[in-house]
Amino acid sequence: RLYEAFFSTKVDGLGIGLSLCRSIIESHRGRIKAQNLYNADVVVGCRFSFTLPVKVSATDPPPPKAFVTS
């Protein structure tokens, strides 16, 4: 239920934050990921990360050689 719109475990929460983030990211063909953070066997937090595709235009300089892959 993490990305479910209008779901919140907080009294004052609206439950639209992560749902909105996911919609925006996916509309740009990106991905969002959530990972639990542990201290021994206890979940102590969560890490959210996202990726977005990059389109390189013809006027952009080439990437540094350290990042070029084949």
N, C-alpha and C. Protein backbone atom coordinates (compact mmCIF):
# COMPACT_ATOMS: atom_id res chain seq x y z
N ARG A 1 0.82 -1.20 0.00
CA ARG A 1 0.00 0.00 0.00
C ARG A 1 0.85 1.25 0.00
N LEU A 2 2.13 1.09 -0.13
CA LEU A 2 3.07 2.19 -0.02
C LEU A 2 2.76 3.33 -0.99
N TYR A 3 2.41 3.01 -2.22
CA TYR A 3 2.15 4.04 -3.23
C TYR A 3 0.66 4.28 -3.46
N GLU A 4 -0.19 3.70 -2.63
CA GLU A 4 -1.63 3.84 -2.79
C GLU A 4 -2.07 5.26 -2.43
N ALA A 5 -2.79 5.88 -3.34
CA ALA A 5 -3.25 7.26 -3.12
C ALA A 5 -4.22 7.32 -1.95
N PHE A 6 -4.05 8.34 -1.12
CA PHE A 6 -4.92 8.66 0.02
C PHE A 6 -4.84 7.64 1.15
N PHE A 7 -3.80 6.80 1.15
CA PHE A 7 -3.57 5.90 2.29
C PHE A 7 -2.47 6.49 3.15
N SER A 8 -2.73 6.61 4.45
CA SER A 8 -1.74 7.13 5.37
C SER A 8 -1.90 6.46 6.72
N THR A 9 -0.79 6.28 7.40
CA THR A 9 -0.83 5.76 8.77
C THR A 9 -0.79 6.90 9.77
N LYS A 10 -0.69 8.12 9.27
CA LYS A 10 -0.61 9.30 10.14
C LYS A 10 -1.97 9.99 10.23
N VAL A 11 -2.29 10.51 11.39
CA VAL A 11 -3.57 11.20 11.60
C VAL A 11 -3.69 12.41 10.69
N ASP A 12 -2.60 13.18 10.57
CA ASP A 12 -2.63 14.39 9.76
C ASP A 12 -2.17 14.17 8.32
N GLY A 13 -1.87 12.95 7.95
CA GLY A 13 -1.37 12.68 6.60
C GLY A 13 -2.47 12.61 5.57
N LEU A 14 -2.17 13.10 4.36
CA LEU A 14 -3.13 13.02 3.27
C LEU A 14 -2.94 11.77 2.42
N GLY A 15 -1.74 11.22 2.44
CA GLY A 15 -1.49 10.00 1.69
C GLY A 15 -1.34 10.20 0.19
N ILE A 16 -0.93 11.39 -0.23
CA ILE A 16 -0.76 11.60 -1.67
C ILE A 16 0.69 11.80 -2.08
N GLY A 17 1.59 11.95 -1.13
CA GLY A 17 2.99 12.26 -1.44
C GLY A 17 3.68 11.24 -2.32
N LEU A 18 3.77 10.00 -1.88
CA LEU A 18 4.47 8.98 -2.65
C LEU A 18 3.70 8.61 -3.91
N SER A 19 2.40 8.64 -3.85
CA SER A 19 1.59 8.36 -5.03
C SER A 19 1.86 9.41 -6.11
N LEU A 20 1.92 10.66 -5.70
CA LEU A 20 2.19 11.76 -6.63
C LEU A 20 3.61 11.64 -7.19
N CYS A 21 4.58 11.37 -6.32
CA CYS A 21 5.97 11.19 -6.76
C CYS A 21 6.06 10.08 -7.80
N ARG A 22 5.43 8.97 -7.52
CA ARG A 22 5.48 7.83 -8.44
C ARG A 22 4.85 8.19 -9.78
N SER A 23 3.72 8.88 -9.76
CA SER A 23 3.06 9.27 -11.01
C SER A 23 3.95 10.18 -11.85
N ILE A 24 4.57 11.16 -11.21
CA ILE A 24 5.44 12.10 -11.94
C ILE A 24 6.65 11.37 -12.52
N ILE A 25 7.29 10.55 -11.70
CA ILE A 25 8.48 9.83 -12.16
C ILE A 25 8.14 8.88 -13.29
N GLU A 26 7.05 8.11 -13.16
CA GLU A 26 6.69 7.16 -14.21
C GLU A 26 6.20 7.86 -15.48
N SER A 27 5.64 9.06 -15.35
CA SER A 27 5.22 9.79 -16.56
C SER A 27 6.43 10.24 -17.38
N HIS A 28 7.59 10.28 -16.74
CA HIS A 28 8.84 10.61 -17.42
C HIS A 28 9.64 9.35 -17.73
N ARG A 29 8.97 8.20 -17.67
CA ARG A 29 9.56 6.88 -17.94
C ARG A 29 10.68 6.52 -16.96
N GLY A 30 10.53 6.98 -15.74
CA GLY A 30 11.49 6.67 -14.69
C GLY A 30 10.96 5.58 -13.78
N ARG A 31 11.74 5.25 -12.78
CA ARG A 31 11.37 4.24 -11.79
C ARG A 31 11.68 4.76 -10.41
N ILE A 32 10.86 4.37 -9.43
CA ILE A 32 11.10 4.70 -8.03
C ILE A 32 11.21 3.39 -7.26
N LYS A 33 12.10 3.38 -6.28
CA LYS A 33 12.35 2.15 -5.52
C LYS A 33 12.43 2.50 -4.04
N ALA A 34 11.88 1.64 -3.20
CA ALA A 34 11.95 1.80 -1.74
C ALA A 34 12.70 0.61 -1.16
N GLN A 35 13.58 0.90 -0.20
CA GLN A 35 14.33 -0.16 0.48
C GLN A 35 14.25 0.08 1.98
N ASN A 36 13.96 -0.97 2.74
CA ASN A 36 13.99 -0.87 4.20
C ASN A 36 15.44 -0.75 4.66
N LEU A 37 15.65 0.02 5.71
CA LEU A 37 16.96 0.14 6.34
C LEU A 37 16.90 -0.59 7.67
N TYR A 38 17.86 -1.45 7.93
CA TYR A 38 17.84 -2.32 9.11
C TYR A 38 18.95 -1.97 10.09
N ASN A 39 18.65 -2.21 11.36
CA ASN A 39 19.63 -2.25 12.43
C ASN A 39 19.44 -3.61 13.07
N ALA A 40 20.32 -4.53 12.76
CA ALA A 40 20.15 -5.94 13.10
C ALA A 40 18.91 -6.44 12.36
N ASP A 41 17.89 -6.92 13.07
CA ASP A 41 16.67 -7.40 12.42
C ASP A 41 15.53 -6.41 12.50
N VAL A 42 15.80 -5.19 12.93
CA VAL A 42 14.75 -4.20 13.14
C VAL A 42 14.79 -3.16 12.01
N VAL A 43 13.65 -2.90 11.40
CA VAL A 43 13.56 -1.85 10.38
C VAL A 43 13.61 -0.50 11.09
N VAL A 44 14.58 0.33 10.72
CA VAL A 44 14.75 1.63 11.37
C VAL A 44 14.49 2.80 10.43
N GLY A 45 14.18 2.51 9.20
CA GLY A 45 13.90 3.59 8.25
C GLY A 45 13.71 3.03 6.86
N CYS A 46 13.66 3.93 5.91
CA CYS A 46 13.44 3.54 4.52
C CYS A 46 14.23 4.48 3.62
N ARG A 47 14.76 3.95 2.54
CA ARG A 47 15.48 4.75 1.55
C ARG A 47 14.69 4.71 0.24
N PHE A 48 14.41 5.88 -0.29
CA PHE A 48 13.75 5.98 -1.58
C PHE A 48 14.76 6.48 -2.60
N SER A 49 14.76 5.86 -3.75
CA SER A 49 15.63 6.32 -4.83
C SER A 49 14.84 6.25 -6.13
N PHE A 50 15.23 7.07 -7.07
CA PHE A 50 14.55 7.04 -8.36
C PHE A 50 15.55 7.25 -9.47
N THR A 51 15.18 6.80 -10.66
CA THR A 51 15.99 7.00 -11.85
C THR A 51 15.12 7.61 -12.92
N LEU A 52 15.72 8.44 -13.73
CA LEU A 52 15.05 9.05 -14.87
C LEU A 52 15.95 8.86 -16.09
N PRO A 53 15.35 8.56 -17.24
CA PRO A 53 16.17 8.43 -18.44
C PRO A 53 16.67 9.81 -18.89
N VAL A 54 17.81 9.81 -19.53
CA VAL A 54 18.39 11.05 -20.03
C VAL A 54 18.50 10.95 -21.54
N LYS A 55 18.03 11.98 -22.20
CA LYS A 55 18.17 12.05 -23.64
C LYS A 55 19.26 13.07 -23.94
N VAL A 56 20.27 12.64 -24.65
CA VAL A 56 21.38 13.52 -24.99
C VAL A 56 21.06 14.18 -26.32
N SER A 57 21.13 15.51 -26.35
CA SER A 57 20.86 16.23 -27.59
C SER A 57 22.14 16.32 -28.42
N ALA A 58 21.98 16.66 -29.69
CA ALA A 58 23.12 16.76 -30.59
C ALA A 58 24.07 17.88 -30.18
N THR A 59 23.59 18.87 -29.43
CA THR A 59 24.44 19.99 -29.03
C THR A 59 25.14 19.76 -27.70
N ASP A 60 24.82 18.69 -26.99
CA ASP A 60 25.48 18.40 -25.72
C ASP A 60 26.90 17.91 -25.97
N PRO A 61 27.84 18.30 -25.11
CA PRO A 61 29.20 17.78 -25.26
C PRO A 61 29.22 16.29 -24.94
N PRO A 62 30.18 15.56 -25.49
CA PRO A 62 30.25 14.11 -25.18
C PRO A 62 30.58 13.91 -23.71
N PRO A 63 30.17 12.77 -23.15
CA PRO A 63 30.47 12.50 -21.73
C PRO A 63 31.96 12.30 -21.54
N PRO A 64 32.45 12.49 -20.32
CA PRO A 64 33.87 12.23 -20.05
C PRO A 64 34.22 10.78 -20.35
N LYS A 65 35.43 10.54 -20.78
CA LYS A 65 35.85 9.18 -21.18
C LYS A 65 35.69 8.17 -20.06
N ALA A 66 35.78 8.59 -18.81
CA ALA A 66 35.64 7.67 -17.69
C ALA A 66 34.26 7.05 -17.64
N PHE A 67 33.27 7.69 -18.25
CA PHE A 67 31.90 7.20 -18.20
C PHE A 67 31.45 6.54 -19.49
N VAL A 68 32.28 6.53 -20.50
CA VAL A 68 31.92 5.92 -21.77
C VAL A 68 32.06 4.42 -21.64
N THR A 69 31.01 3.70 -22.04
CA THR A 69 31.05 2.23 -22.02
C THR A 69 30.75 1.71 -23.40
N SER A 70 31.14 0.48 -23.65
CA SER A 70 30.85 -0.11 -24.95
C SER A 70 30.16 -1.43 -24.77
